[in-house]
Amino acid sequence: MAANTSGTFRLDRAAGSLLDAQGRRYDREAGTWHPAREGAAGTFESVDTIGAATWLQRESGCPRRAPVGVIGPREATAPQLAAAEAIGNGLAAMGFVVICGGRGGVMEAVCKGAATAGGITIGLLPDPDDSLANRHVRIAIATGIGEARNALIARAALCLMAVGNSFGTLSEVALGRQFGKLVIGLEGAPRVNGVRHVQWPHEALEAVARFAVTGARDD
């Protein structure tokens, strides 16, 4: 997919038509951009990148089915917990499924934020007992494989958002990069080559939205 550089799109909801700033039309089924016909008619409204991603996930009929992975330490700081909750809320509001390790700290905070917005949360637990999942996990998968479940999260995710740092978080970030995934970091996330660091949750959400719609990585 080719990237849209301006972040502004034109959307005809009735026709299910999304155009980028260069006049290209989004092919919902293929997930690619193609030149639009001259003078494309329709009732278009301007939407930003998050608006375009929300349309893709909630209205297009062809959403990104892979979940967005959110990773971070169990022993998290208050700013990390707040950032994770905001990210979970924003991802769910756009219509993305959230996948995480299913336990406490950043994992619980992102699930809480997503649950508040009515989102679906998947917890891949290292334990063989699904009752150990935090109470905001909608779907608990008790892998019983310990920290090896980190590789499953990194592989399954559309992209990864790392909030804070720990040895487990570092392993997931490294695996994500090994698998060629976009990794967005904030609040002290590991400084691994290729990780795109941002300062605020809304920047992380915009990066995910842009990647989902246009394929732009900025890494």
Protein backbone atom coordinates (compact mmCIF):
# COMPACT_ATOMS: atom_id res chain seq x y z
CA MET A 1 0.00 0.00 0.00
CA ALA A 2 1.23 3.45 -0.83
CA ALA A 3 1.24 6.08 1.90
CA ASN A 4 -0.94 9.15 2.14
CA THR A 5 1.29 11.98 3.30
CA SER A 6 -1.22 14.63 4.35
CA GLY A 7 -3.38 12.60 6.70
CA THR A 8 -6.55 14.07 5.13
CA PHE A 9 -9.04 11.87 3.29
CA ARG A 10 -12.38 12.30 1.53
CA LEU A 11 -15.07 9.81 2.42
CA ASP A 12 -18.41 9.05 0.75
CA ARG A 13 -20.10 6.88 3.36
CA ALA A 14 -23.13 6.02 1.24
CA ALA A 15 -20.98 4.73 -1.61
CA GLY A 16 -18.31 3.26 0.65
CA SER A 17 -15.66 5.26 -1.16
CA LEU A 18 -12.46 6.60 0.43
CA LEU A 19 -10.10 8.91 -1.47
CA ASP A 20 -6.71 10.11 -0.33
CA ALA A 21 -5.13 13.53 -0.83
CA GLN A 22 -3.68 12.42 -4.16
CA GLY A 23 -7.10 11.46 -5.49
CA ARG A 24 -6.55 7.72 -5.24
CA ARG A 25 -9.42 5.43 -4.30
CA TYR A 26 -9.14 2.75 -1.63
CA ASP A 27 -9.95 -0.80 -2.71
CA ARG A 28 -11.57 -2.22 0.41
CA GLU A 29 -11.24 -5.88 -0.49
CA ALA A 30 -7.63 -5.72 -1.66
CA GLY A 31 -6.53 -3.11 0.88
CA THR A 32 -4.71 -1.14 -1.82
CA TRP A 33 -4.91 2.30 -3.41
CA HIS A 34 -5.60 2.93 -7.10
CA PRO A 35 -6.05 6.02 -9.29
CA ALA A 36 -9.65 7.22 -9.17
CA ARG A 37 -11.62 8.07 -12.26
CA GLU A 38 -11.54 11.71 -13.31
CA GLY A 39 -14.11 13.83 -11.54
CA ALA A 40 -15.26 11.10 -9.17
CA ALA A 41 -18.79 12.01 -8.12
CA GLY A 42 -20.31 11.54 -4.70
CA THR A 43 -21.11 13.23 -1.43
CA PHE A 44 -17.73 13.46 0.23
CA GLU A 45 -16.74 14.63 3.69
CA SER A 46 -13.23 15.30 4.94
CA VAL A 47 -11.93 12.92 7.59
CA ASP A 48 -8.60 12.67 9.36
CA THR A 49 -6.50 9.54 9.63
CA ILE A 50 -8.30 8.23 12.71
CA GLY A 51 -11.64 8.93 11.03
CA ALA A 52 -10.53 6.96 7.98
CA ALA A 53 -9.38 4.04 10.15
CA THR A 54 -12.67 4.09 12.07
CA TRP A 55 -14.57 3.89 8.79
CA LEU A 56 -12.33 1.03 7.66
CA GLN A 57 -12.86 -0.94 10.86
CA ARG A 58 -16.52 -0.20 11.53
CA GLU A 59 -18.24 0.62 8.23
CA SER A 60 -16.25 -0.60 5.22
CA GLY A 61 -17.18 -4.26 5.57
CA CYS A 62 -13.51 -5.18 5.15
CA PRO A 63 -11.80 -4.34 8.46
CA ARG A 64 -8.30 -5.30 9.45
CA ARG A 65 -8.93 -8.56 11.27
CA ALA A 66 -5.51 -8.86 12.90
CA PRO A 67 -5.49 -7.41 16.43
CA VAL A 68 -3.23 -4.60 17.57
CA GLY A 69 -0.73 -5.81 20.16
CA VAL A 70 -0.12 -3.70 23.26
CA ILE A 71 2.80 -4.74 25.43
CA GLY A 72 4.36 -3.45 28.61
CA PRO A 73 5.46 -4.32 32.15
CA ARG A 74 3.35 -5.68 34.97
CA GLU A 75 5.11 -3.31 37.36
CA ALA A 76 4.07 -0.12 35.58
CA THR A 77 4.19 3.53 36.60
CA ALA A 78 1.09 5.70 36.85
CA PRO A 79 1.90 7.53 33.56
CA GLN A 80 2.39 4.18 31.80
CA LEU A 81 -0.93 2.88 33.10
CA ALA A 82 -2.70 6.06 32.02
CA ALA A 83 -1.14 5.90 28.56
CA ALA A 84 -2.06 2.22 28.15
CA GLU A 85 -5.66 2.86 29.18
CA ALA A 86 -5.95 5.77 26.74
CA ILE A 87 -4.49 3.63 23.97
CA GLY A 88 -6.88 0.77 24.67
CA ASN A 89 -9.83 3.15 24.64
CA GLY A 90 -8.73 4.75 21.38
CA LEU A 91 -8.07 1.45 19.62
CA ALA A 92 -11.46 0.07 20.62
CA ALA A 93 -13.21 3.28 19.58
CA MET A 94 -11.71 2.87 16.10
CA GLY A 95 -12.85 -0.76 16.02
CA PHE A 96 -9.55 -2.59 16.48
CA VAL A 97 -9.28 -5.76 18.54
CA VAL A 98 -6.58 -5.57 21.23
CA ILE A 99 -4.24 -8.44 22.03
CA CYS A 100 -1.91 -8.51 25.03
CA GLY A 101 -0.44 -10.83 27.64
CA GLY A 102 -3.63 -10.79 29.67
CA ARG A 103 -2.16 -10.16 33.12
CA GLY A 104 -1.63 -7.00 35.19
CA GLY A 105 0.03 -3.63 34.80
CA VAL A 106 0.05 -2.24 31.26
CA MET A 107 -1.87 -5.31 30.08
CA GLU A 108 -4.72 -4.72 32.49
CA ALA A 109 -4.78 -0.99 31.80
CA VAL A 110 -5.06 -1.40 28.02
CA CYS A 111 -7.81 -3.98 28.47
CA LYS A 112 -9.67 -1.66 30.84
CA GLY A 113 -9.49 1.19 28.32
CA ALA A 114 -10.69 -1.03 25.48
CA ALA A 115 -13.49 -2.52 27.57
CA THR A 116 -14.72 0.96 28.48
CA ALA A 117 -15.19 1.65 24.76
CA GLY A 118 -16.92 -1.70 24.21
CA GLY A 119 -13.94 -3.27 22.49
CA ILE A 120 -12.77 -6.86 22.22
CA THR A 121 -9.67 -7.80 24.20
CA ILE A 122 -7.67 -10.99 23.80
CA GLY A 123 -5.30 -12.11 26.53
CA LEU A 124 -2.64 -14.69 25.66
CA LEU A 125 -1.72 -15.93 29.11
CA PRO A 126 1.59 -17.59 29.90
CA ASP A 127 -0.27 -19.77 32.38
CA PRO A 128 -2.40 -22.91 31.86
CA ASP A 129 -5.24 -21.32 33.89
CA ASP A 130 -7.48 -18.76 32.19
CA SER A 131 -8.80 -17.56 35.56
CA LEU A 132 -5.52 -15.66 35.97
CA ALA A 133 -6.49 -13.21 33.23
CA ASN A 134 -7.30 -9.70 34.36
CA ARG A 135 -11.01 -8.96 34.65
CA HIS A 136 -11.09 -6.78 31.52
CA VAL A 137 -9.97 -9.56 29.15
CA ARG A 138 -12.87 -10.62 26.92
CA ILE A 139 -11.17 -13.69 25.41
CA ALA A 140 -8.63 -15.47 27.61
CA ILE A 141 -6.35 -18.03 25.97
CA ALA A 142 -4.39 -20.02 28.54
CA THR A 143 -1.37 -21.04 26.48
CA GLY A 144 0.54 -22.76 29.30
CA ILE A 145 3.80 -22.07 27.45
CA GLY A 146 5.21 -19.40 29.74
CA GLU A 147 7.04 -16.45 28.24
CA ALA A 148 7.13 -18.22 24.87
CA ARG A 149 3.67 -16.72 24.42
CA ASN A 150 5.48 -13.42 23.73
CA ALA A 151 6.31 -14.73 20.28
CA LEU A 152 2.64 -15.50 19.62
CA ILE A 153 1.62 -11.93 20.49
CA ALA A 154 4.35 -10.45 18.30
CA ARG A 155 3.49 -12.73 15.38
CA ALA A 156 -0.29 -12.38 15.58
CA ALA A 157 -0.45 -8.59 15.89
CA LEU A 158 -1.07 -6.21 13.00
CA CYS A 159 1.46 -3.98 14.75
CA LEU A 160 2.77 -3.53 18.29
CA MET A 161 2.53 -0.66 20.74
CA ALA A 162 5.04 -0.83 23.59
CA VAL A 163 4.25 1.18 26.74
CA GLY A 164 7.16 1.16 29.17
CA ASN A 165 9.91 -1.42 29.44
CA SER A 166 10.80 -4.72 31.08
CA PHE A 167 12.69 -7.83 30.01
CA GLY A 168 9.46 -9.37 28.73
CA THR A 169 8.54 -6.19 26.86
CA LEU A 170 12.01 -6.05 25.34
CA SER A 171 11.65 -9.61 24.08
CA GLU A 172 8.30 -8.83 22.46
CA VAL A 173 9.69 -5.70 20.82
CA ALA A 174 12.68 -7.61 19.48
CA LEU A 175 10.45 -10.39 18.18
CA GLY A 176 8.13 -7.87 16.57
CA ARG A 177 11.04 -6.28 14.74
CA GLN A 178 12.38 -9.71 13.79
CA PHE A 179 8.98 -10.46 12.24
CA GLY A 180 9.03 -7.16 10.36
CA LYS A 181 6.22 -5.58 12.37
CA LEU A 182 5.69 -1.89 12.94
CA VAL A 183 6.50 -1.19 16.61
CA ILE A 184 5.48 2.08 18.24
CA GLY A 185 6.94 2.96 21.62
CA LEU A 186 6.18 5.48 24.36
CA GLU A 187 6.65 6.02 28.10
CA GLY A 188 10.15 4.54 28.20
CA ALA A 189 9.68 1.75 25.67
CA PRO A 190 12.84 -0.17 24.66
CA ARG A 191 15.24 1.75 22.43
CA VAL A 192 15.50 -0.94 19.80
CA ASN A 193 16.49 -0.17 16.23
CA GLY A 194 13.41 0.46 14.11
CA VAL A 195 11.01 1.28 16.95
CA ARG A 196 9.10 4.48 16.28
CA HIS A 197 8.95 6.46 19.53
CA VAL A 198 6.20 8.98 20.21
CA GLN A 199 5.41 11.15 23.22
CA TRP A 200 1.64 10.95 23.56
CA PRO A 201 -1.03 8.24 23.22
CA HIS A 202 -2.85 10.14 20.48
CA GLU A 203 0.33 10.08 18.39
CA ALA A 204 0.54 6.31 18.82
CA LEU A 205 -3.11 5.93 17.83
CA GLU A 206 -2.62 8.09 14.74
CA ALA A 207 0.39 5.97 13.75
CA VAL A 208 -1.67 2.78 14.01
CA ALA A 209 -4.54 4.34 12.08
CA ARG A 210 -2.21 5.53 9.31
CA PHE A 211 -0.57 2.14 9.07
CA ALA A 212 -3.90 0.33 8.89
CA VAL A 213 -5.26 2.57 6.15
CA THR A 214 -2.20 3.45 4.09
CA GLY A 215 0.60 1.12 5.09
CA ALA A 216 2.77 4.07 6.10
CA ARG A 217 5.31 3.07 8.75
CA ASP A 218 7.65 6.07 9.18
CA ASP A 219 10.36 3.74 10.45
